Amino acid sequence: MGIFDLFKNKQAPKVDRERPVEPETSMEEDLLGSIKQFRNQQSSVREKFLKENDEKLAPSHEKIERAENFISESGLNKSFPKVIKHIWHWASWSKKDSFEKYTAFKVSNISGEKDGLREWSLSFDYEGNSFLFSFKEQKSYYEDDSQYSDMALSFDGEKVLEISCISDLNREYDQWSYLSIKHLVISDWVRSIVEMDELIELYDIKSSREFGESMFKEQAENLPD
């Protein structure tokens, strides 16, 4: 008996008339299935890219983190903007005979250049070292009340610090807060900036007390003992 004879002798299967015939897979289902598969593939591609990119950038992230930790733990994130604020007008004030009245620490060889309030530089000698401070306001690309600037320092002719700062446009022109680190070389200048900061703090306290003292004395002058 040949193979075709086997098929001839087989009876046709009975069709269950009561059982509905399942429809073939629709085009929509096929398309949705392929989309799901494609998205899963692309998700894997993205995860692989992110992992490789994170590994590549890990050394840079570590350097930034160490620098940010140093800036924060040393207090330079607050000290340096405070020094910038204190010396803001020194280029013009240094020409006055009463200049020392407005300084928290003694300096020499003051020289400065200024382009309004948006960009200026100031150099002076302090405790045998030369300092060059610079400030530059940056153009803001955001539609908000924030303004950005760069503040930098050169110590004995070498650039040692540059930070980005942020300010609220509704505040005073010289009120800036630390945002991020852009350049850092750690050396003796750090001690000098911390020292300047502490002297400014003492200077501000003395100035406030002297002002209050004169007011209280004037008020109490004609009062009974």
N, C-alpha and C. Protein backbone atom coordinates (compact mmCIF):
# COMPACT_ATOMS: atom_id res chain seq x y z
N MET A 1 0.86 -1.20 0.00
CA MET A 1 0.00 0.00 0.00
C MET A 1 0.89 1.23 0.00
N GLY A 2 0.59 2.14 -0.92
CA GLY A 2 1.37 3.35 -0.99
C GLY A 2 0.91 4.40 0.00
N ILE A 3 1.72 5.43 0.07
CA ILE A 3 1.41 6.49 1.02
C ILE A 3 0.13 7.21 0.69
N PHE A 4 -0.15 7.35 -0.61
CA PHE A 4 -1.38 8.03 -1.01
C PHE A 4 -2.60 7.20 -0.66
N ASP A 5 -2.44 5.85 -0.65
CA ASP A 5 -3.56 4.99 -0.28
C ASP A 5 -3.93 5.18 1.18
N LEU A 6 -2.92 5.43 1.99
CA LEU A 6 -3.20 5.67 3.41
C LEU A 6 -4.09 6.89 3.59
N PHE A 7 -3.77 7.98 2.83
CA PHE A 7 -4.60 9.19 2.93
C PHE A 7 -6.02 8.94 2.42
N LYS A 8 -6.14 8.08 1.40
CA LYS A 8 -7.46 7.81 0.84
C LYS A 8 -8.33 7.06 1.83
N ASN A 9 -7.69 6.14 2.59
CA ASN A 9 -8.47 5.31 3.52
C ASN A 9 -8.84 6.06 4.81
N LYS A 10 -8.12 7.13 5.03
CA LYS A 10 -8.45 7.90 6.24
C LYS A 10 -9.77 8.63 6.08
N GLN A 11 -10.54 8.63 7.11
CA GLN A 11 -11.79 9.37 7.09
C GLN A 11 -11.56 10.84 7.42
N ALA A 12 -12.32 11.66 6.79
CA ALA A 12 -12.23 13.09 7.09
C ALA A 12 -12.68 13.36 8.51
N PRO A 13 -11.98 14.17 9.21
CA PRO A 13 -12.38 14.45 10.60
C PRO A 13 -13.75 15.12 10.65
N LYS A 14 -14.46 14.74 11.66
CA LYS A 14 -15.77 15.34 11.85
C LYS A 14 -15.64 16.77 12.33
N VAL A 15 -16.41 17.62 11.76
CA VAL A 15 -16.40 19.04 12.15
C VAL A 15 -17.43 19.26 13.22
N ASP A 16 -16.96 19.83 14.32
CA ASP A 16 -17.88 20.16 15.42
C ASP A 16 -18.59 21.45 15.05
N ARG A 17 -19.84 21.32 14.63
CA ARG A 17 -20.59 22.49 14.18
C ARG A 17 -20.88 23.48 15.30
N GLU A 18 -20.91 22.99 16.53
CA GLU A 18 -21.25 23.87 17.65
C GLU A 18 -20.04 24.68 18.13
N ARG A 19 -18.81 24.20 17.85
CA ARG A 19 -17.60 24.90 18.31
C ARG A 19 -17.21 25.95 17.29
N PRO A 20 -17.09 27.23 17.73
CA PRO A 20 -16.75 28.29 16.77
C PRO A 20 -15.32 28.13 16.26
N VAL A 21 -15.15 28.46 15.05
CA VAL A 21 -13.84 28.41 14.44
C VAL A 21 -13.05 29.67 14.85
N GLU A 22 -11.85 29.45 15.44
CA GLU A 22 -11.04 30.58 15.90
C GLU A 22 -10.53 31.36 14.69
N PRO A 23 -10.67 32.70 14.75
CA PRO A 23 -10.21 33.50 13.61
C PRO A 23 -8.68 33.53 13.53
N GLU A 24 -8.17 33.72 12.38
CA GLU A 24 -6.73 33.85 12.21
C GLU A 24 -6.23 35.15 12.87
N THR A 25 -4.92 35.15 13.25
CA THR A 25 -4.34 36.35 13.88
C THR A 25 -4.49 37.55 12.96
N SER A 26 -5.01 38.64 13.53
CA SER A 26 -5.27 39.83 12.71
C SER A 26 -3.98 40.61 12.47
N MET A 27 -4.02 41.50 11.51
CA MET A 27 -2.88 42.36 11.19
C MET A 27 -2.54 43.25 12.38
N GLU A 28 -3.59 43.72 13.07
CA GLU A 28 -3.36 44.59 14.22
C GLU A 28 -2.57 43.88 15.31
N GLU A 29 -2.93 42.61 15.57
CA GLU A 29 -2.23 41.87 16.61
C GLU A 29 -0.78 41.61 16.23
N ASP A 30 -0.57 41.29 14.95
CA ASP A 30 0.80 41.08 14.48
C ASP A 30 1.63 42.35 14.64
N LEU A 31 1.03 43.50 14.29
CA LEU A 31 1.74 44.76 14.38
C LEU A 31 2.06 45.11 15.83
N LEU A 32 1.07 44.91 16.71
CA LEU A 32 1.30 45.21 18.12
C LEU A 32 2.38 44.30 18.71
N GLY A 33 2.39 43.05 18.30
CA GLY A 33 3.41 42.12 18.76
C GLY A 33 4.80 42.53 18.32
N SER A 34 4.90 42.95 17.07
CA SER A 34 6.21 43.37 16.56
C SER A 34 6.67 44.67 17.21
N ILE A 35 5.73 45.57 17.49
CA ILE A 35 6.08 46.81 18.17
C ILE A 35 6.60 46.53 19.57
N LYS A 36 5.92 45.63 20.28
CA LYS A 36 6.35 45.28 21.63
C LYS A 36 7.75 44.68 21.60
N GLN A 37 7.99 43.80 20.65
CA GLN A 37 9.31 43.18 20.53
C GLN A 37 10.37 44.23 20.21
N PHE A 38 10.05 45.16 19.32
CA PHE A 38 11.01 46.21 18.95
C PHE A 38 11.33 47.11 20.14
N ARG A 39 10.30 47.48 20.89
CA ARG A 39 10.52 48.34 22.05
C ARG A 39 11.38 47.64 23.10
N ASN A 40 11.17 46.37 23.31
CA ASN A 40 11.98 45.62 24.25
C ASN A 40 13.44 45.58 23.81
N GLN A 41 13.64 45.40 22.49
CA GLN A 41 15.00 45.40 21.96
C GLN A 41 15.68 46.76 22.18
N GLN A 42 14.95 47.84 21.89
CA GLN A 42 15.52 49.17 22.05
C GLN A 42 15.78 49.50 23.51
N SER A 43 14.94 49.00 24.40
CA SER A 43 15.16 49.20 25.82
C SER A 43 16.48 48.55 26.25
N SER A 44 16.74 47.38 25.73
CA SER A 44 18.00 46.70 26.03
C SER A 44 19.19 47.47 25.48
N VAL A 45 19.02 48.04 24.27
CA VAL A 45 20.09 48.84 23.67
C VAL A 45 20.38 50.06 24.52
N ARG A 46 19.33 50.73 25.00
CA ARG A 46 19.50 51.92 25.83
C ARG A 46 20.19 51.58 27.16
N GLU A 47 19.76 50.49 27.77
CA GLU A 47 20.36 50.08 29.04
C GLU A 47 21.85 49.79 28.87
N LYS A 48 22.19 49.14 27.77
CA LYS A 48 23.59 48.84 27.49
C LYS A 48 24.38 50.13 27.28
N PHE A 49 23.79 51.08 26.52
CA PHE A 49 24.48 52.35 26.28
C PHE A 49 24.70 53.11 27.59
N LEU A 50 23.66 53.19 28.42
CA LEU A 50 23.78 53.92 29.68
C LEU A 50 24.83 53.30 30.59
N LYS A 51 24.88 51.99 30.63
CA LYS A 51 25.86 51.32 31.47
C LYS A 51 27.28 51.62 30.98
N GLU A 52 27.48 51.51 29.68
CA GLU A 52 28.81 51.77 29.12
C GLU A 52 29.19 53.23 29.29
N ASN A 53 28.20 54.14 29.11
CA ASN A 53 28.48 55.57 29.25
C ASN A 53 28.80 55.93 30.70
N ASP A 54 28.08 55.33 31.65
CA ASP A 54 28.36 55.58 33.07
C ASP A 54 29.77 55.11 33.43
N GLU A 55 30.15 53.97 32.90
CA GLU A 55 31.49 53.44 33.18
C GLU A 55 32.56 54.37 32.59
N LYS A 56 32.28 54.91 31.40
CA LYS A 56 33.24 55.80 30.76
C LYS A 56 33.39 57.11 31.53
N LEU A 57 32.27 57.61 32.08
CA LEU A 57 32.28 58.89 32.77
C LEU A 57 32.59 58.79 34.26
N ALA A 58 32.71 57.56 34.75
CA ALA A 58 32.94 57.37 36.19
C ALA A 58 34.16 58.14 36.71
N PRO A 59 35.31 58.13 36.03
CA PRO A 59 36.46 58.90 36.53
C PRO A 59 36.17 60.40 36.63
N SER A 60 35.44 60.95 35.64
CA SER A 60 35.11 62.37 35.67
C SER A 60 34.17 62.68 36.83
N HIS A 61 33.18 61.82 37.04
CA HIS A 61 32.24 62.02 38.15
C HIS A 61 32.98 61.99 39.48
N GLU A 62 33.95 61.09 39.61
CA GLU A 62 34.70 60.98 40.86
C GLU A 62 35.53 62.23 41.12
N LYS A 63 36.16 62.78 40.07
CA LYS A 63 36.95 64.00 40.22
C LYS A 63 36.06 65.17 40.63
N ILE A 64 34.92 65.29 39.99
CA ILE A 64 33.99 66.37 40.32
C ILE A 64 33.50 66.24 41.76
N GLU A 65 33.18 65.01 42.16
CA GLU A 65 32.68 64.78 43.51
C GLU A 65 33.73 65.14 44.55
N ARG A 66 35.00 64.75 44.31
CA ARG A 66 36.07 65.09 45.25
C ARG A 66 36.25 66.60 45.36
N ALA A 67 36.22 67.28 44.22
CA ALA A 67 36.37 68.73 44.23
C ALA A 67 35.21 69.41 44.94
N GLU A 68 34.00 68.96 44.67
CA GLU A 68 32.83 69.54 45.33
C GLU A 68 32.88 69.31 46.83
N ASN A 69 33.32 68.12 47.24
CA ASN A 69 33.45 67.84 48.68
C ASN A 69 34.47 68.76 49.33
N PHE A 70 35.58 69.00 48.64
CA PHE A 70 36.60 69.89 49.20
C PHE A 70 36.07 71.31 49.33
N ILE A 71 35.40 71.79 48.29
CA ILE A 71 34.84 73.14 48.32
C ILE A 71 33.84 73.29 49.46
N SER A 72 33.04 72.26 49.66
CA SER A 72 32.02 72.31 50.71
C SER A 72 32.62 72.20 52.10
N GLU A 73 33.51 71.22 52.31
CA GLU A 73 34.07 70.98 53.64
C GLU A 73 35.01 72.10 54.07
N SER A 74 35.68 72.73 53.12
CA SER A 74 36.58 73.85 53.46
C SER A 74 35.80 75.15 53.68
N GLY A 75 34.55 75.18 53.21
CA GLY A 75 33.75 76.39 53.33
C GLY A 75 33.99 77.40 52.22
N LEU A 76 34.78 77.02 51.21
CA LEU A 76 35.06 77.95 50.11
C LEU A 76 33.82 78.30 49.31
N ASN A 77 32.83 77.43 49.33
CA ASN A 77 31.59 77.71 48.60
C ASN A 77 30.90 78.97 49.13
N LYS A 78 31.18 79.32 50.38
CA LYS A 78 30.63 80.55 50.95
C LYS A 78 31.71 81.64 51.09
N SER A 79 32.92 81.21 51.42
CA SER A 79 34.00 82.18 51.67
C SER A 79 34.37 82.97 50.43
N PHE A 80 34.51 82.28 49.31
CA PHE A 80 34.98 82.99 48.12
C PHE A 80 33.97 84.03 47.62
N PRO A 81 32.68 83.71 47.49
CA PRO A 81 31.71 84.76 47.12
C PRO A 81 31.68 85.91 48.12
N LYS A 82 31.92 85.61 49.41
CA LYS A 82 31.92 86.68 50.41
C LYS A 82 33.10 87.63 50.19
N VAL A 83 34.27 87.07 49.86
CA VAL A 83 35.43 87.91 49.58
C VAL A 83 35.19 88.75 48.34
N ILE A 84 34.61 88.13 47.31
CA ILE A 84 34.27 88.87 46.08
C ILE A 84 33.37 90.06 46.40
N LYS A 85 32.38 89.84 47.24
CA LYS A 85 31.46 90.92 47.61
C LYS A 85 32.20 92.03 48.36
N HIS A 86 33.11 91.64 49.26
CA HIS A 86 33.82 92.63 50.07
C HIS A 86 34.73 93.51 49.22
N ILE A 87 35.34 92.96 48.19
CA ILE A 87 36.31 93.72 47.39
C ILE A 87 35.67 94.32 46.14
N TRP A 88 34.36 94.24 46.03
CA TRP A 88 33.64 94.60 44.80
C TRP A 88 34.03 95.99 44.27
N HIS A 89 34.12 96.97 45.16
CA HIS A 89 34.38 98.35 44.75
C HIS A 89 35.81 98.81 45.02
N TRP A 90 36.69 97.92 45.34
CA TRP A 90 38.03 98.33 45.74
C TRP A 90 38.81 99.06 44.64
N ALA A 91 38.51 98.76 43.40
CA ALA A 91 39.24 99.43 42.31
C ALA A 91 39.08 100.94 42.39
N SER A 92 37.88 101.40 42.73
CA SER A 92 37.63 102.84 42.84
C SER A 92 37.88 103.34 44.26
N TRP A 93 37.51 102.56 45.27
CA TRP A 93 37.69 102.99 46.65
C TRP A 93 39.16 103.14 47.02
N SER A 94 40.03 102.35 46.40
CA SER A 94 41.45 102.38 46.76
C SER A 94 42.09 103.73 46.46
N LYS A 95 41.41 104.54 45.66
CA LYS A 95 41.95 105.86 45.31
C LYS A 95 41.61 106.91 46.37
N LYS A 96 40.79 106.53 47.33
CA LYS A 96 40.40 107.46 48.39
C LYS A 96 41.35 107.35 49.59
N ASP A 97 41.51 108.46 50.28
CA ASP A 97 42.37 108.46 51.47
C ASP A 97 41.79 107.61 52.59
N SER A 98 40.47 107.47 52.58
CA SER A 98 39.79 106.72 53.64
C SER A 98 39.61 105.24 53.29
N PHE A 99 40.37 104.77 52.31
CA PHE A 99 40.17 103.40 51.81
C PHE A 99 40.27 102.35 52.92
N GLU A 100 41.27 102.48 53.80
CA GLU A 100 41.48 101.47 54.83
C GLU A 100 40.30 101.35 55.79
N LYS A 101 39.47 102.36 55.81
CA LYS A 101 38.30 102.32 56.68
C LYS A 101 37.30 101.26 56.20
N TYR A 102 37.35 100.92 54.91
CA TYR A 102 36.38 100.01 54.32
C TYR A 102 36.98 98.63 53.99
N THR A 103 38.12 98.33 54.55
CA THR A 103 38.77 97.04 54.27
C THR A 103 38.90 96.22 55.54
N ALA A 104 38.66 94.93 55.42
CA ALA A 104 38.76 94.03 56.57
C ALA A 104 40.17 93.51 56.76
N PHE A 105 41.02 93.65 55.76
CA PHE A 105 42.41 93.18 55.86
C PHE A 105 43.30 94.08 55.01
N LYS A 106 44.55 94.13 55.37
CA LYS A 106 45.48 95.04 54.70
C LYS A 106 46.04 94.42 53.43
N VAL A 107 46.06 95.23 52.37
CA VAL A 107 46.60 94.79 51.08
C VAL A 107 47.47 95.90 50.51
N SER A 108 48.16 95.59 49.43
CA SER A 108 48.99 96.59 48.75
C SER A 108 48.97 96.32 47.26
N ASN A 109 49.48 97.29 46.50
CA ASN A 109 49.56 97.16 45.03
C ASN A 109 48.21 96.84 44.39
N ILE A 110 47.21 97.60 44.76
CA ILE A 110 45.86 97.36 44.23
C ILE A 110 45.76 97.89 42.80
N SER A 111 45.19 97.07 41.94
CA SER A 111 44.95 97.48 40.56
C SER A 111 43.69 96.77 40.07
N GLY A 112 42.83 97.54 39.38
CA GLY A 112 41.59 96.92 38.94
C GLY A 112 41.07 97.46 37.63
N GLU A 113 40.31 96.63 36.94
CA GLU A 113 39.62 97.01 35.71
C GLU A 113 38.16 96.65 35.87
N LYS A 114 37.30 97.51 35.32
CA LYS A 114 35.88 97.30 35.53
C LYS A 114 35.08 97.64 34.29
N ASP A 115 34.09 96.79 33.99
CA ASP A 115 33.15 97.03 32.91
C ASP A 115 31.75 97.01 33.51
N GLY A 116 31.41 98.10 34.19
CA GLY A 116 30.13 98.17 34.88
C GLY A 116 30.10 97.17 36.03
N LEU A 117 28.92 96.58 36.26
CA LEU A 117 28.76 95.59 37.31
C LEU A 117 28.82 94.17 36.76
N ARG A 118 28.94 94.04 35.44
CA ARG A 118 28.86 92.72 34.81
C ARG A 118 30.21 92.03 34.64
N GLU A 119 31.27 92.80 34.63
CA GLU A 119 32.58 92.19 34.44
C GLU A 119 33.66 93.09 35.05
N TRP A 120 34.52 92.52 35.89
CA TRP A 120 35.61 93.27 36.47
C TRP A 120 36.70 92.34 36.98
N SER A 121 37.87 92.92 37.21
CA SER A 121 38.99 92.17 37.78
C SER A 121 39.72 93.07 38.77
N LEU A 122 40.33 92.46 39.75
CA LEU A 122 41.04 93.22 40.78
C LEU A 122 42.23 92.39 41.26
N SER A 123 43.38 93.05 41.32
CA SER A 123 44.58 92.36 41.82
C SER A 123 45.15 93.13 42.99
N PHE A 124 45.76 92.42 43.92
CA PHE A 124 46.46 93.04 45.04
C PHE A 124 47.39 92.01 45.67
N ASP A 125 48.28 92.53 46.51
CA ASP A 125 49.20 91.66 47.26
C ASP A 125 48.68 91.53 48.68
N TYR A 126 48.74 90.31 49.19
CA TYR A 126 48.28 90.05 50.55
C TYR A 126 49.21 89.03 51.19
N GLU A 127 49.82 89.42 52.31
CA GLU A 127 50.73 88.54 53.05
C GLU A 127 51.82 87.95 52.15
N GLY A 128 52.37 88.79 51.26
CA GLY A 128 53.48 88.37 50.44
C GLY A 128 53.13 87.60 49.19
N ASN A 129 51.84 87.47 48.90
CA ASN A 129 51.40 86.75 47.70
C ASN A 129 50.51 87.66 46.85
N SER A 130 50.49 87.40 45.55
CA SER A 130 49.65 88.20 44.65
C SER A 130 48.35 87.45 44.35
N PHE A 131 47.26 88.20 44.38
CA PHE A 131 45.93 87.65 44.13
C PHE A 131 45.28 88.43 42.99
N LEU A 132 44.67 87.70 42.07
CA LEU A 132 43.92 88.32 40.99
C LEU A 132 42.53 87.72 40.97
N PHE A 133 41.55 88.52 41.33
CA PHE A 133 40.15 88.10 41.35
C PHE A 133 39.47 88.58 40.08
N SER A 134 38.56 87.78 39.55
CA SER A 134 37.80 88.22 38.37
C SER A 134 36.35 87.77 38.51
N PHE A 135 35.48 88.60 37.97
CA PHE A 135 34.04 88.34 38.01
C PHE A 135 33.47 88.61 36.62
N LYS A 136 32.64 87.71 36.14
CA LYS A 136 32.01 87.90 34.84
C LYS A 136 30.59 87.34 34.86
N GLU A 137 29.65 88.22 34.61
CA GLU A 137 28.25 87.80 34.56
C GLU A 137 27.97 87.13 33.23
N GLN A 138 27.28 86.00 33.28
CA GLN A 138 26.99 85.23 32.09
C GLN A 138 25.57 85.50 31.58
N LYS A 139 25.42 85.38 30.28
CA LYS A 139 24.09 85.56 29.69
C LYS A 139 23.19 84.41 30.11
N SER A 140 22.00 84.72 30.56
CA SER A 140 21.07 83.69 31.00
C SER A 140 20.19 83.24 29.84
N TYR A 141 20.08 81.92 29.70
CA TYR A 141 19.26 81.35 28.64
C TYR A 141 17.93 80.82 29.17
N TYR A 142 17.67 81.10 30.44
CA TYR A 142 16.44 80.61 31.05
C TYR A 142 15.49 81.77 31.33
N GLU A 143 14.23 81.53 31.13
CA GLU A 143 13.24 82.58 31.35
C GLU A 143 12.76 82.53 32.80
N ASP A 144 13.65 82.91 33.70
CA ASP A 144 13.29 82.97 35.11
C ASP A 144 14.02 84.15 35.75
N ASP A 145 13.99 84.22 37.05
CA ASP A 145 14.60 85.34 37.76
C ASP A 145 16.04 85.05 38.19
N SER A 146 16.66 84.05 37.59
CA SER A 146 18.02 83.68 37.97
C SER A 146 19.05 84.28 37.03
N GLN A 147 20.16 84.67 37.60
CA GLN A 147 21.29 85.17 36.82
C GLN A 147 22.52 84.38 37.22
N TYR A 148 23.43 84.17 36.26
CA TYR A 148 24.60 83.33 36.50
C TYR A 148 25.88 84.12 36.27
N SER A 149 26.94 83.68 36.94
CA SER A 149 28.23 84.35 36.79
C SER A 149 29.36 83.36 37.03
N ASP A 150 30.56 83.75 36.59
CA ASP A 150 31.77 83.00 36.88
C ASP A 150 32.68 83.87 37.74
N MET A 151 33.23 83.27 38.78
CA MET A 151 34.20 83.95 39.65
C MET A 151 35.48 83.14 39.64
N ALA A 152 36.61 83.82 39.46
CA ALA A 152 37.89 83.10 39.35
C ALA A 152 38.97 83.77 40.18
N LEU A 153 40.00 82.99 40.47
CA LEU A 153 41.14 83.49 41.25
C LEU A 153 42.44 82.95 40.67
N SER A 154 43.41 83.86 40.52
CA SER A 154 44.78 83.46 40.19
C SER A 154 45.66 83.80 41.37
N PHE A 155 46.54 82.88 41.74
CA PHE A 155 47.40 83.02 42.93
C PHE A 155 48.85 82.96 42.48
N ASP A 156 49.57 84.06 42.68
CA ASP A 156 50.96 84.15 42.23
C ASP A 156 51.11 83.77 40.76
N GLY A 157 50.18 84.26 39.95
CA GLY A 157 50.27 84.06 38.50
C GLY A 157 49.67 82.78 37.98
N GLU A 158 49.15 81.91 38.85
CA GLU A 158 48.56 80.65 38.41
C GLU A 158 47.06 80.64 38.72
N LYS A 159 46.27 80.25 37.74
CA LYS A 159 44.83 80.13 37.97
C LYS A 159 44.59 78.94 38.89
N VAL A 160 43.90 79.19 40.01
CA VAL A 160 43.71 78.13 41.00
C VAL A 160 42.24 77.83 41.29
N LEU A 161 41.35 78.72 40.87
CA LEU A 161 39.94 78.50 41.20
C LEU A 161 39.03 79.19 40.19
N GLU A 162 37.96 78.51 39.83
CA GLU A 162 36.87 79.12 39.08
C GLU A 162 35.59 78.41 39.48
N ILE A 163 34.60 79.20 39.84
CA ILE A 163 33.31 78.65 40.25
C ILE A 163 32.19 79.34 39.49
N SER A 164 31.09 78.62 39.37
CA SER A 164 29.86 79.21 38.82
C SER A 164 28.96 79.60 39.98
N CYS A 165 28.31 80.75 39.85
CA CYS A 165 27.44 81.24 40.91
C CYS A 165 26.08 81.62 40.33
N ILE A 166 25.12 81.73 41.22
CA ILE A 166 23.77 82.06 40.81
C ILE A 166 23.24 83.17 41.70
N SER A 167 22.38 83.99 41.14
CA SER A 167 21.80 85.10 41.90
C SER A 167 20.36 85.32 41.47
N ASP A 168 19.57 85.80 42.40
CA ASP A 168 18.19 86.20 42.12
C ASP A 168 18.21 87.64 41.62
N LEU A 169 17.60 87.88 40.48
CA LEU A 169 17.60 89.23 39.92
C LEU A 169 16.94 90.25 40.83
N ASN A 170 16.13 89.78 41.76
CA ASN A 170 15.45 90.70 42.67
C ASN A 170 16.32 91.09 43.86
N ARG A 171 17.51 90.47 43.98
CA ARG A 171 18.40 90.79 45.09
C ARG A 171 19.39 91.87 44.67
N GLU A 172 20.28 92.20 45.61
CA GLU A 172 21.31 93.19 45.33
C GLU A 172 22.29 92.65 44.29
N TYR A 173 22.91 93.55 43.57
CA TYR A 173 23.80 93.16 42.47
C TYR A 173 24.99 92.32 42.92
N ASP A 174 25.41 92.47 44.19
CA ASP A 174 26.59 91.75 44.65
C ASP A 174 26.26 90.52 45.50
N GLN A 175 25.02 90.09 45.49
CA GLN A 175 24.60 88.92 46.25
C GLN A 175 24.61 87.68 45.35
N TRP A 176 25.63 86.85 45.52
CA TRP A 176 25.78 85.66 44.69
C TRP A 176 26.00 84.43 45.57
N SER A 177 25.45 83.30 45.11
CA SER A 177 25.60 82.04 45.83
C SER A 177 26.30 81.01 44.96
N TYR A 178 27.08 80.17 45.61
CA TYR A 178 27.85 79.14 44.91
C TYR A 178 26.92 78.16 44.19
N LEU A 179 27.33 77.75 42.99
CA LEU A 179 26.56 76.79 42.21
C LEU A 179 27.36 75.53 41.89
N SER A 180 28.57 75.69 41.32
CA SER A 180 29.36 74.51 40.95
C SER A 180 30.82 74.90 40.75
N ILE A 181 31.68 73.89 40.75
CA ILE A 181 33.12 74.08 40.58
C ILE A 181 33.50 73.88 39.12
N LYS A 182 34.42 74.72 38.63
CA LYS A 182 34.86 74.60 37.24
C LYS A 182 36.37 74.41 37.13
N HIS A 183 37.11 74.90 38.12
CA HIS A 183 38.57 74.78 38.09
C HIS A 183 39.07 74.84 39.52
N LEU A 184 40.02 73.94 39.85
CA LEU A 184 40.53 73.91 41.22
C LEU A 184 41.96 73.38 41.26
N VAL A 185 42.84 74.17 41.87
CA VAL A 185 44.20 73.74 42.18
C VAL A 185 44.41 74.05 43.67
N ILE A 186 44.60 73.04 44.48
CA ILE A 186 44.69 73.22 45.92
C ILE A 186 46.11 73.58 46.33
N SER A 187 46.24 74.73 46.99
CA SER A 187 47.55 75.17 47.48
C SER A 187 47.32 76.17 48.62
N ASP A 188 48.35 76.96 48.94
CA ASP A 188 48.28 77.86 50.10
C ASP A 188 47.23 78.95 49.99
N TRP A 189 46.75 79.23 48.80
CA TRP A 189 45.74 80.28 48.63
C TRP A 189 44.47 79.96 49.42
N VAL A 190 44.21 78.67 49.64
CA VAL A 190 42.99 78.28 50.37
C VAL A 190 43.01 78.88 51.77
N ARG A 191 44.15 78.76 52.45
CA ARG A 191 44.26 79.34 53.80
C ARG A 191 44.04 80.84 53.77
N SER A 192 44.56 81.48 52.75
CA SER A 192 44.44 82.94 52.65
C SER A 192 42.98 83.36 52.48
N ILE A 193 42.24 82.66 51.62
CA ILE A 193 40.83 83.00 51.41
C ILE A 193 40.02 82.76 52.66
N VAL A 194 40.31 81.66 53.37
CA VAL A 194 39.60 81.39 54.63
C VAL A 194 39.92 82.49 55.65
N GLU A 195 41.17 82.91 55.68
CA GLU A 195 41.57 83.99 56.60
C GLU A 195 40.86 85.29 56.24
N MET A 196 40.81 85.64 54.96
CA MET A 196 40.09 86.84 54.52
C MET A 196 38.63 86.77 54.95
N ASP A 197 38.02 85.61 54.78
CA ASP A 197 36.62 85.42 55.14
C ASP A 197 36.39 85.69 56.62
N GLU A 198 37.24 85.15 57.46
CA GLU A 198 37.10 85.33 58.90
C GLU A 198 37.32 86.79 59.30
N LEU A 199 38.26 87.46 58.66
CA LEU A 199 38.51 88.87 58.95
C LEU A 199 37.33 89.73 58.50
N ILE A 200 36.70 89.36 57.39
CA ILE A 200 35.51 90.07 56.92
C ILE A 200 34.37 89.89 57.93
N GLU A 201 34.25 88.69 58.47
CA GLU A 201 33.21 88.42 59.46
C GLU A 201 33.39 89.32 60.68
N LEU A 202 34.63 89.42 61.16
CA LEU A 202 34.92 90.29 62.31
C LEU A 202 34.68 91.75 61.96
N TYR A 203 35.08 92.14 60.76
CA TYR A 203 34.90 93.52 60.30
C TYR A 203 33.40 93.88 60.28
N ASP A 204 32.58 92.99 59.77
CA ASP A 204 31.14 93.25 59.69
C ASP A 204 30.53 93.38 61.08
N ILE A 205 30.98 92.54 62.00
CA ILE A 205 30.46 92.62 63.37
C ILE A 205 30.85 93.94 64.02
N LYS A 206 32.11 94.31 63.86
CA LYS A 206 32.58 95.58 64.45
C LYS A 206 31.83 96.77 63.85
N SER A 207 31.65 96.76 62.52
CA SER A 207 30.94 97.86 61.86
C SER A 207 29.52 97.97 62.36
N SER A 208 28.86 96.83 62.51
CA SER A 208 27.48 96.84 62.99
C SER A 208 27.41 97.34 64.43
N ARG A 209 28.34 96.89 65.27
CA ARG A 209 28.34 97.32 66.67
C ARG A 209 28.66 98.81 66.80
N GLU A 210 29.60 99.28 66.00
CA GLU A 210 29.95 100.70 66.06
C GLU A 210 28.77 101.57 65.66
N PHE A 211 28.04 101.13 64.64
CA PHE A 211 26.86 101.89 64.20
C PHE A 211 25.80 101.88 65.30
N GLY A 212 25.57 100.72 65.88
CA GLY A 212 24.57 100.63 66.95
C GLY A 212 25.00 101.38 68.19
N GLU A 213 26.29 101.36 68.47
CA GLU A 213 26.81 102.05 69.64
C GLU A 213 26.59 103.56 69.55
N SER A 214 26.83 104.13 68.40
CA SER A 214 26.63 105.57 68.24
C SER A 214 25.15 105.93 68.38
N MET A 215 24.27 105.09 67.90
CA MET A 215 22.84 105.35 68.02
C MET A 215 22.40 105.28 69.48
N PHE A 216 22.86 104.25 70.19
CA PHE A 216 22.47 104.10 71.59
C PHE A 216 23.01 105.24 72.45
N LYS A 217 24.25 105.65 72.19
CA LYS A 217 24.83 106.73 72.96
C LYS A 217 24.09 108.04 72.72
N GLU A 218 23.72 108.27 71.48
CA GLU A 218 22.98 109.49 71.15
C GLU A 218 21.60 109.48 71.80
N GLN A 219 20.96 108.29 71.80
CA GLN A 219 19.64 108.19 72.41
C GLN A 219 19.71 108.37 73.93
N ALA A 220 20.77 107.84 74.53
CA ALA A 220 20.86 107.88 75.99
C ALA A 220 21.47 109.16 76.54
N GLU A 221 21.98 110.01 75.66
CA GLU A 221 22.70 111.20 76.11
C GLU A 221 21.85 112.10 77.00
N ASN A 222 20.61 112.32 76.65
CA ASN A 222 19.77 113.24 77.42
C ASN A 222 18.77 112.51 78.31
N LEU A 223 19.09 111.26 78.66
CA LEU A 223 18.23 110.51 79.57
C LEU A 223 18.85 110.49 80.95
N PRO A 224 18.02 110.40 82.01
CA PRO A 224 18.57 110.43 83.38
C PRO A 224 19.41 109.18 83.67
N ASP A 225 20.39 109.37 84.52
CA ASP A 225 21.25 108.25 84.93
C ASP A 225 20.48 107.29 85.81
